[in-house]
Amino acid sequence: MTKWRDGVRVVRAQALGKAMLGTGRATAFDLTGTGGKETWIGTVAMQPKAVTGAHHHGRHEVAIYVVKGRSEIRWGERLDFAAEVGPGDFVYFAPYVPHQERNLSGTDTPTDFVVMRSDNEPIAVTLDVVPVQEPETVL
């Protein structure tokens, strides 16, 4: 008999907020051992003026949803392409795509994302990339 009671889980915002203190990241669902072993869902907060280094997430597919703030996403071999994203926008990253995120929200506003990854393994490969000066803007 299927245990439907365990088929849905709710994670309260307050719990995620406490988990994010100091790290800027919180796991909403770690589905290991529940039949859902190939998905990670969590939150990421980019502090004001923060810029990640160029990186990729290996074999993972990654999707983000922008909750608040504005960010520039750059991607490509030399971060050749760029798109500005804001609340309500989704971004999908195919496996192995080099990319970088930058908070454009000003000096006092974090940019908050909901992140979904196709695997629980925390792969983040740092890349030594010299970005192009003027990336192509993709709308």
C-alpha atoms as a PDB file:
ATOM      1  CA  MET A   1       0.000   0.000   0.000  1.00  0.00           C
ATOM      2  CA  THR A   2       1.333   3.458  -0.924  1.00  0.00           C
ATOM      3  CA  LYS A   3       1.904   5.797   1.993  1.00  0.00           C
ATOM      4  CA  TRP A   4       0.377   8.934   0.485  1.00  0.00           C
ATOM      5  CA  ARG A   5       0.910  10.911   3.666  1.00  0.00           C
ATOM      6  CA  ASP A   6       4.652  10.894   2.946  1.00  0.00           C
ATOM      7  CA  GLY A   7       4.183  11.803  -0.728  1.00  0.00           C
ATOM      8  CA  VAL A   8       4.170  15.558  -0.087  1.00  0.00           C
ATOM      9  CA  ARG A   9       6.511  17.565   2.108  1.00  0.00           C
ATOM     10  CA  VAL A  10       6.286  21.215   3.071  1.00  0.00           C
ATOM     11  CA  VAL A  11       9.361  23.239   4.000  1.00  0.00           C
ATOM     12  CA  ARG A  12       8.512  26.498   5.753  1.00  0.00           C
ATOM     13  CA  ALA A  13      10.259  29.723   4.792  1.00  0.00           C
ATOM     14  CA  GLN A  14      11.304  30.294   8.420  1.00  0.00           C
ATOM     15  CA  ALA A  15      13.290  27.029   8.439  1.00  0.00           C
ATOM     16  CA  LEU A  16      15.094  27.964   5.218  1.00  0.00           C
ATOM     17  CA  GLY A  17      15.877  31.432   6.547  1.00  0.00           C
ATOM     18  CA  LYS A  18      17.547  29.984   9.638  1.00  0.00           C
ATOM     19  CA  ALA A  19      19.501  27.462   7.555  1.00  0.00           C
ATOM     20  CA  MET A  20      20.830  30.222   5.265  1.00  0.00           C
ATOM     21  CA  LEU A  21      22.424  32.233   8.057  1.00  0.00           C
ATOM     22  CA  GLY A  22      26.130  32.533   7.347  1.00  0.00           C
ATOM     23  CA  THR A  23      26.160  30.377   4.193  1.00  0.00           C
ATOM     24  CA  GLY A  24      23.723  31.981   1.776  1.00  0.00           C
ATOM     25  CA  ARG A  25      22.435  28.500   0.853  1.00  0.00           C
ATOM     26  CA  ALA A  26      19.785  26.196   2.242  1.00  0.00           C
ATOM     27  CA  THR A  27      18.543  22.812   1.098  1.00  0.00           C
ATOM     28  CA  ALA A  28      14.779  22.702   0.848  1.00  0.00           C
ATOM     29  CA  PHE A  29      14.551  19.053  -0.198  1.00  0.00           C
ATOM     30  CA  ASP A  30      17.214  16.373  -0.030  1.00  0.00           C
ATOM     31  CA  LEU A  31      15.319  13.493  -1.559  1.00  0.00           C
ATOM     32  CA  THR A  32      17.893  10.783  -0.915  1.00  0.00           C
ATOM     33  CA  GLY A  33      16.234   7.660   0.382  1.00  0.00           C
ATOM     34  CA  THR A  34      12.691   8.751  -0.450  1.00  0.00           C
ATOM     35  CA  GLY A  35      12.434   7.426  -3.983  1.00  0.00           C
ATOM     36  CA  GLY A  36      13.460  10.802  -5.376  1.00  0.00           C
ATOM     37  CA  LYS A  37      17.221  10.549  -5.534  1.00  0.00           C
ATOM     38  CA  GLU A  38      18.116  12.692  -8.501  1.00  0.00           C
ATOM     39  CA  THR A  39      16.920  16.163  -7.537  1.00  0.00           C
ATOM     40  CA  TRP A  40      18.199  18.914  -5.245  1.00  0.00           C
ATOM     41  CA  ILE A  41      15.990  21.925  -4.523  1.00  0.00           C
ATOM     42  CA  GLY A  42      17.111  24.821  -2.375  1.00  0.00           C
ATOM     43  CA  THR A  43      17.657  28.535  -2.086  1.00  0.00           C
ATOM     44  CA  VAL A  44      20.647  30.749  -2.778  1.00  0.00           C
ATOM     45  CA  ALA A  45      21.055  34.370  -1.702  1.00  0.00           C
ATOM     46  CA  MET A  46      23.667  36.476  -3.491  1.00  0.00           C
ATOM     47  CA  GLN A  47      24.778  39.329  -1.313  1.00  0.00           C
ATOM     48  CA  PRO A  48      24.856  42.901  -2.700  1.00  0.00           C
ATOM     49  CA  LYS A  49      27.530  43.379  -5.377  1.00  0.00           C
ATOM     50  CA  ALA A  50      28.482  39.674  -5.174  1.00  0.00           C
ATOM     51  CA  VAL A  51      29.973  38.002  -8.253  1.00  0.00           C
ATOM     52  CA  THR A  52      30.634  34.286  -8.526  1.00  0.00           C
ATOM     53  CA  GLY A  53      33.713  33.002 -10.257  1.00  0.00           C
ATOM     54  CA  ALA A  54      33.269  31.203 -13.567  1.00  0.00           C
ATOM     55  CA  HIS A  55      32.132  27.647 -12.870  1.00  0.00           C
ATOM     56  CA  HIS A  56      29.953  24.774 -14.059  1.00  0.00           C
ATOM     57  CA  HIS A  57      28.030  22.020 -12.326  1.00  0.00           C
ATOM     58  CA  GLY A  58      29.341  18.993 -14.200  1.00  0.00           C
ATOM     59  CA  ARG A  59      26.689  16.551 -15.354  1.00  0.00           C
ATOM     60  CA  HIS A  60      23.892  18.447 -13.580  1.00  0.00           C
ATOM     61  CA  GLU A  61      21.095  20.273 -15.233  1.00  0.00           C
ATOM     62  CA  VAL A  62      20.358  23.365 -13.156  1.00  0.00           C
ATOM     63  CA  ALA A  63      17.381  25.711 -13.196  1.00  0.00           C
ATOM     64  CA  ILE A  64      16.937  28.852 -11.152  1.00  0.00           C
ATOM     65  CA  TYR A  65      13.915  30.995 -10.405  1.00  0.00           C
ATOM     66  CA  VAL A  66      14.579  34.606  -9.409  1.00  0.00           C
ATOM     67  CA  VAL A  67      12.536  35.474  -6.330  1.00  0.00           C
ATOM     68  CA  LYS A  68      13.869  38.972  -5.673  1.00  0.00           C
ATOM     69  CA  GLY A  69      16.592  41.274  -6.912  1.00  0.00           C
ATOM     70  CA  ARG A  70      18.352  41.517 -10.255  1.00  0.00           C
ATOM     71  CA  SER A  71      21.218  39.443 -11.563  1.00  0.00           C
ATOM     72  CA  GLU A  72      23.370  39.211 -14.650  1.00  0.00           C
ATOM     73  CA  ILE A  73      24.008  35.686 -15.879  1.00  0.00           C
ATOM     74  CA  ARG A  74      27.042  35.247 -18.134  1.00  0.00           C
ATOM     75  CA  TRP A  75      27.887  32.002 -19.871  1.00  0.00           C
ATOM     76  CA  GLY A  76      30.027  30.422 -22.553  1.00  0.00           C
ATOM     77  CA  GLU A  77      33.673  29.439 -22.926  1.00  0.00           C
ATOM     78  CA  ARG A  78      34.828  32.982 -22.052  1.00  0.00           C
ATOM     79  CA  LEU A  79      31.511  34.137 -20.580  1.00  0.00           C
ATOM     80  CA  ASP A  80      30.705  35.390 -24.084  1.00  0.00           C
ATOM     81  CA  PHE A  81      26.945  35.795 -23.524  1.00  0.00           C
ATOM     82  CA  ALA A  82      24.941  37.732 -20.925  1.00  0.00           C
ATOM     83  CA  ALA A  83      21.342  38.154 -19.833  1.00  0.00           C
ATOM     84  CA  GLU A  84      19.874  40.272 -17.068  1.00  0.00           C
ATOM     85  CA  VAL A  85      17.221  38.499 -15.012  1.00  0.00           C
ATOM     86  CA  GLY A  86      14.817  39.618 -12.326  1.00  0.00           C
ATOM     87  CA  PRO A  87      11.849  38.482 -10.222  1.00  0.00           C
ATOM     88  CA  GLY A  88       9.743  35.849 -11.932  1.00  0.00           C
ATOM     89  CA  ASP A  89      12.421  34.858 -14.468  1.00  0.00           C
ATOM     90  CA  PHE A  90      13.670  31.288 -14.843  1.00  0.00           C
ATOM     91  CA  VAL A  91      17.135  30.330 -16.124  1.00  0.00           C
ATOM     92  CA  TYR A  92      18.188  26.854 -17.276  1.00  0.00           C
ATOM     93  CA  PHE A  93      21.837  25.708 -17.406  1.00  0.00           C
ATOM     94  CA  ALA A  94      22.674  22.623 -19.488  1.00  0.00           C
ATOM     95  CA  PRO A  95      25.360  20.281 -18.103  1.00  0.00           C
ATOM     96  CA  TYR A  96      28.962  21.551 -18.229  1.00  0.00           C
ATOM     97  CA  VAL A  97      28.032  25.085 -19.383  1.00  0.00           C
ATOM     98  CA  PRO A  98      30.530  27.605 -17.938  1.00  0.00           C
ATOM     99  CA  HIS A  99      28.645  30.432 -16.238  1.00  0.00           C
ATOM    100  CA  GLN A 100      28.795  33.227 -13.685  1.00  0.00           C
ATOM    101  CA  GLU A 101      26.202  35.157 -11.678  1.00  0.00           C
ATOM    102  CA  ARG A 102      26.438  38.793 -10.583  1.00  0.00           C
ATOM    103  CA  ASN A 103      24.093  40.647  -8.237  1.00  0.00           C
ATOM    104  CA  LEU A 104      22.933  43.868  -9.924  1.00  0.00           C
ATOM    105  CA  SER A 105      20.569  44.892  -7.131  1.00  0.00           C
ATOM    106  CA  GLY A 106      22.652  47.658  -5.640  1.00  0.00           C
ATOM    107  CA  THR A 107      24.423  48.044  -2.337  1.00  0.00           C
ATOM    108  CA  ASP A 108      21.775  46.799   0.084  1.00  0.00           C
ATOM    109  CA  THR A 109      19.661  44.139  -1.620  1.00  0.00           C
ATOM    110  CA  PRO A 110      20.483  40.457  -1.933  1.00  0.00           C
ATOM    111  CA  THR A 111      19.310  38.576  -5.003  1.00  0.00           C
ATOM    112  CA  ASP A 112      17.360  35.476  -3.965  1.00  0.00           C
ATOM    113  CA  PHE A 113      17.016  32.378  -6.142  1.00  0.00           C
ATOM    114  CA  VAL A 114      15.222  29.068  -5.864  1.00  0.00           C
ATOM    115  CA  VAL A 115      17.571  26.468  -7.391  1.00  0.00           C
ATOM    116  CA  MET A 116      16.749  23.016  -8.762  1.00  0.00           C
ATOM    117  CA  ARG A 117      19.556  20.603  -9.646  1.00  0.00           C
ATOM    118  CA  SER A 118      19.250  17.212 -11.307  1.00  0.00           C
ATOM    119  CA  ASP A 119      21.436  15.523  -8.702  1.00  0.00           C
ATOM    120  CA  ASN A 120      22.075  15.722  -4.960  1.00  0.00           C
ATOM    121  CA  GLU A 121      25.863  15.721  -5.365  1.00  0.00           C
ATOM    122  CA  PRO A 122      27.171  19.278  -4.755  1.00  0.00           C
ATOM    123  CA  ILE A 123      29.286  19.602  -7.919  1.00  0.00           C
ATOM    124  CA  ALA A 124      30.725  23.051  -8.594  1.00  0.00           C
ATOM    125  CA  VAL A 125      33.817  23.117 -10.807  1.00  0.00           C
ATOM    126  CA  THR A 126      35.756  26.388 -10.624  1.00  0.00           C
ATOM    127  CA  LEU A 127      37.138  27.525 -13.981  1.00  0.00           C
ATOM    128  CA  ASP A 128      40.127  29.728 -14.787  1.00  0.00           C
ATOM    129  CA  VAL A 129      38.518  31.949 -17.414  1.00  0.00           C
ATOM    130  CA  VAL A 130      39.457  35.354 -18.778  1.00  0.00           C
ATOM    131  CA  PRO A 131      36.035  36.805 -19.670  1.00  0.00           C
ATOM    132  CA  VAL A 132      35.442  38.735 -22.870  1.00  0.00           C
ATOM    133  CA  GLN A 133      35.204  42.500 -22.318  1.00  0.00           C
ATOM    134  CA  GLU A 134      31.807  42.929 -24.002  1.00  0.00           C
ATOM    135  CA  PRO A 135      29.563  39.859 -23.917  1.00  0.00           C
ATOM    136  CA  GLU A 136      26.746  39.462 -26.425  1.00  0.00           C
ATOM    137  CA  THR A 137      23.455  40.386 -24.756  1.00  0.00           C
ATOM    138  CA  VAL A 138      20.819  37.678 -25.076  1.00  0.00           C
ATOM    139  CA  LEU A 139      17.228  38.719 -24.454  1.00  0.00           C
END
